[in-house]
C-alpha atoms as a PDB file:
ATOM      1  CA  MET A   1      -2.974   4.281 -16.040  1.00  0.00           C
ATOM      2  CA  LYS A   2      -5.289   1.273 -15.711  1.00  0.00           C
ATOM      3  CA  PHE A   3      -9.121   1.142 -14.814  1.00  0.00           C
ATOM      4  CA  ALA A   4     -10.604  -1.885 -13.165  1.00  0.00           C
ATOM      5  CA  CYS A   5     -13.735  -1.656 -15.229  1.00  0.00           C
ATOM      6  CA  VAL A   6     -11.464  -2.147 -18.281  1.00  0.00           C
ATOM      7  CA  ASP A   7      -8.438  -3.788 -17.526  1.00  0.00           C
ATOM      8  CA  GLY A   8     -10.084  -6.192 -14.965  1.00  0.00           C
ATOM      9  CA  PRO A   9      -9.738  -6.185 -11.118  1.00  0.00           C
ATOM     10  CA  GLU A  10      -6.207  -7.718 -10.865  1.00  0.00           C
ATOM     11  CA  PHE A  11      -3.252  -5.563 -10.534  1.00  0.00           C
ATOM     12  CA  ASN A  12       0.257  -5.414  -9.215  1.00  0.00           C
ATOM     13  CA  GLY A  13      -0.302  -3.452  -5.647  1.00  0.00           C
ATOM     14  CA  HIS A  14       3.219  -2.192  -6.063  1.00  0.00           C
ATOM     15  CA  ASP A  15       2.113  -0.383  -9.164  1.00  0.00           C
ATOM     16  CA  ILE A  16      -0.345   2.085  -7.401  1.00  0.00           C
ATOM     17  CA  ASP A  17      -0.011   5.651  -7.830  1.00  0.00           C
ATOM     18  CA  TRP A  18      -0.580   6.500  -4.035  1.00  0.00           C
ATOM     19  CA  LYS A  19      -0.432  10.132  -4.528  1.00  0.00           C
ATOM     20  CA  GLU A  20      -3.076   9.896  -7.137  1.00  0.00           C
ATOM     21  CA  PHE A  21      -4.966   7.581  -5.474  1.00  0.00           C
ATOM     22  CA  LEU A  22      -5.212   9.402  -2.452  1.00  0.00           C
ATOM     23  CA  ALA A  23      -6.361  12.703  -4.400  1.00  0.00           C
ATOM     24  CA  ARG A  24      -9.002  10.983  -6.169  1.00  0.00           C
ATOM     25  CA  ARG A  25     -10.247   9.542  -3.017  1.00  0.00           C
ATOM     26  CA  LYS A  26     -10.936  13.010  -1.883  1.00  0.00           C
ATOM     27  CA  ALA A  27     -12.355  14.136  -4.890  1.00  0.00           C
ATOM     28  CA  TYR A  28     -15.854  12.867  -3.424  1.00  0.00           C
ATOM     29  CA  MET A  29     -15.582  13.136   0.243  1.00  0.00           C
ATOM     30  CA  SER A  30     -18.419  15.899   0.273  1.00  0.00           C
ATOM     31  CA  GLU A  31     -20.478  13.888  -1.905  1.00  0.00           C
ATOM     32  CA  GLU A  32     -19.896  10.909   0.762  1.00  0.00           C
ATOM     33  CA  ALA A  33     -20.282  12.826   3.596  1.00  0.00           C
ATOM     34  CA  MET A  34     -23.787  14.318   2.697  1.00  0.00           C
ATOM     35  CA  PHE A  35     -24.832  10.961   1.441  1.00  0.00           C
ATOM     36  CA  PHE A  36     -23.768   9.225   5.078  1.00  0.00           C
ATOM     37  CA  ARG A  37     -25.639  11.935   7.006  1.00  0.00           C
ATOM     38  CA  ARG A  38     -28.927  11.604   4.958  1.00  0.00           C
ATOM     39  CA  SER A  39     -28.503   7.985   5.311  1.00  0.00           C
ATOM     40  CA  ASP A  40     -28.866   7.844   8.812  1.00  0.00           C
ATOM     41  CA  ALA A  41     -31.671   5.798  10.534  1.00  0.00           C
ATOM     42  CA  ALA A  42     -34.192   8.886  11.152  1.00  0.00           C
ATOM     43  CA  PHE A  43     -34.002   9.584   7.376  1.00  0.00           C
ATOM     44  CA  ALA A  44     -33.948   5.939   6.000  1.00  0.00           C
ATOM     45  CA  HIS A  45     -37.115   5.054   7.931  1.00  0.00           C
ATOM     46  CA  LYS A  46     -39.246   8.020   8.289  1.00  0.00           C
ATOM     47  CA  GLU A  47     -42.926   7.403   8.993  1.00  0.00           C
ATOM     48  CA  GLY A  48     -42.146   3.769   9.098  1.00  0.00           C
ATOM     49  CA  LYS A  49     -41.002   3.254   5.627  1.00  0.00           C
ATOM     50  CA  CYS A  50     -37.568   2.662   4.289  1.00  0.00           C
ATOM     51  CA  ALA A  51     -36.820   5.864   1.929  1.00  0.00           C
ATOM     52  CA  TRP A  52     -34.295   3.270   0.044  1.00  0.00           C
ATOM     53  CA  HIS A  53     -36.987   0.896  -0.799  1.00  0.00           C
ATOM     54  CA  GLU A  54     -39.773   2.939  -2.244  1.00  0.00           C
END
């Protein structure tokens, strides 16, 4: 197994283990969904301020 942060971003796409990739991708789905629900315009710009730049 190789990691882009250690081995560099260039790799042979044919070497991808797609089952592992998809399993890892699903690992954080609930956290990502929570982030996107919280980051909608109503949350991010409450009270006339951008919550991401406070």
